[in-house]
Amino acid sequence: MPLAAHDRRRATLRRKVEDRLGSQACDEALLQAAVEEEALAAGKAKVRRAVSDLVKGGFVRRYYSGRVRGHQYRGGRDAVYVVSPQVLNAIPF
């Protein structure tokens, strides 16, 4: 469930950000942006962990773009995930 649906967790996160910002916490726009950034980082970490578990389980393969086939932005390390055919066949559509 998204962090926005948990009022208590959102309030706790807001207090932590206020403590970290100190005197800058008076600016509501800055405070709100910092809370959103923290919530997004927490969500990304959870997705990253979940995908890593799928890779460990053999359900998904991970490689980085540019490794298998060339692309216009060679400097990036965008992750590419490939779901195995057995897993796709097991999912009812």
Protein backbone atom coordinates (compact mmCIF):
# COMPACT_ATOMS: atom_id res chain seq x y z
CA MET A 1 0.00 0.00 0.00
CA PRO A 2 1.39 3.43 -0.85
CA LEU A 3 2.76 5.62 1.90
CA ALA A 4 0.08 8.22 1.12
CA ALA A 5 -2.57 5.77 2.34
CA HIS A 6 -0.90 5.52 5.77
CA ASP A 7 -1.56 8.81 7.58
CA ARG A 8 0.40 7.75 10.68
CA ARG A 9 3.46 6.72 8.63
CA ARG A 10 3.28 9.94 6.61
CA ALA A 11 3.13 12.00 9.83
CA THR A 12 6.12 10.13 11.26
CA LEU A 13 8.09 10.73 8.07
CA ARG A 14 7.15 14.42 8.17
CA ARG A 15 8.44 14.76 11.76
CA LYS A 16 11.74 13.09 10.79
CA VAL A 17 12.16 15.47 7.86
CA GLU A 18 11.29 18.48 10.05
CA ASP A 19 13.94 17.41 12.57
CA ARG A 20 16.52 17.02 9.82
CA LEU A 21 15.72 20.39 8.19
CA GLY A 22 15.69 22.30 11.46
CA SER A 23 15.02 26.02 10.92
CA GLN A 24 14.28 25.50 7.22
CA ALA A 25 11.20 23.44 8.18
CA CYS A 26 9.17 26.68 8.40
CA ASP A 27 8.97 26.81 4.61
CA GLU A 28 5.96 24.58 3.83
CA ALA A 29 6.84 24.09 0.15
CA LEU A 30 10.38 22.97 1.00
CA LEU A 31 9.10 20.67 3.73
CA GLN A 32 6.49 19.09 1.46
CA ALA A 33 9.06 18.55 -1.31
CA ALA A 34 11.47 16.90 1.14
CA VAL A 35 8.72 14.59 2.45
CA GLU A 36 7.76 13.60 -1.10
CA GLU A 37 11.40 12.90 -1.94
CA GLU A 38 11.80 10.70 1.15
CA ALA A 39 8.59 8.80 0.38
CA LEU A 40 9.68 8.22 -3.21
CA ALA A 41 13.09 6.95 -2.10
CA ALA A 42 11.46 4.54 0.34
CA GLY A 43 9.13 3.24 -2.36
CA LYS A 44 11.96 2.74 -4.83
CA ALA A 45 13.94 0.78 -2.25
CA LYS A 46 10.99 -1.55 -1.68
CA VAL A 47 10.53 -2.18 -5.41
CA ARG A 48 14.25 -2.76 -5.83
CA ARG A 49 14.22 -5.36 -3.03
CA ALA A 50 11.17 -7.10 -4.46
CA VAL A 51 12.69 -7.32 -7.94
CA SER A 52 15.97 -8.59 -6.49
CA ASP A 53 14.03 -11.38 -4.77
CA LEU A 54 12.39 -12.29 -8.10
CA VAL A 55 15.82 -12.39 -9.76
CA LYS A 56 17.18 -14.64 -6.98
CA GLY A 57 14.17 -16.92 -7.39
CA GLY A 58 14.81 -17.28 -11.11
CA PHE A 59 11.52 -15.68 -12.18
CA VAL A 60 13.16 -12.64 -13.76
CA ARG A 61 16.54 -11.99 -15.42
CA ARG A 62 18.20 -8.60 -15.07
CA TYR A 63 20.73 -6.94 -17.34
CA TYR A 64 21.61 -3.35 -18.11
CA SER A 65 20.66 -1.61 -21.36
CA GLY A 66 23.47 -1.40 -23.83
CA ARG A 67 24.90 -4.74 -22.73
CA VAL A 68 22.78 -6.93 -25.00
CA ARG A 69 22.01 -4.47 -27.75
CA GLY A 70 23.22 -0.95 -28.46
CA HIS A 71 21.20 2.15 -27.73
CA GLN A 72 21.62 5.89 -28.14
CA TYR A 73 22.54 6.60 -24.51
CA ARG A 74 25.49 4.33 -23.76
CA GLY A 75 26.44 6.15 -20.54
CA GLY A 76 23.32 5.12 -18.68
CA ARG A 77 22.78 2.03 -16.59
CA ASP A 78 19.08 1.52 -17.05
CA ALA A 79 18.06 -1.88 -15.75
CA VAL A 80 16.16 -4.18 -18.09
CA TYR A 81 14.15 -7.06 -16.63
CA VAL A 82 13.08 -10.08 -18.64
CA VAL A 83 10.40 -12.40 -17.29
CA SER A 84 11.08 -16.03 -18.14
CA PRO A 85 8.64 -17.74 -20.56
CA GLN A 86 7.68 -20.36 -17.95
CA VAL A 87 6.54 -17.62 -15.58
CA LEU A 88 4.58 -15.85 -18.32
CA ASN A 89 2.86 -19.12 -19.24
CA ALA A 90 1.89 -19.69 -15.59
CA ILE A 91 0.16 -16.29 -15.30
CA PRO A 92 -3.50 -16.48 -16.34
CA PHE A 93 -4.58 -13.53 -18.49
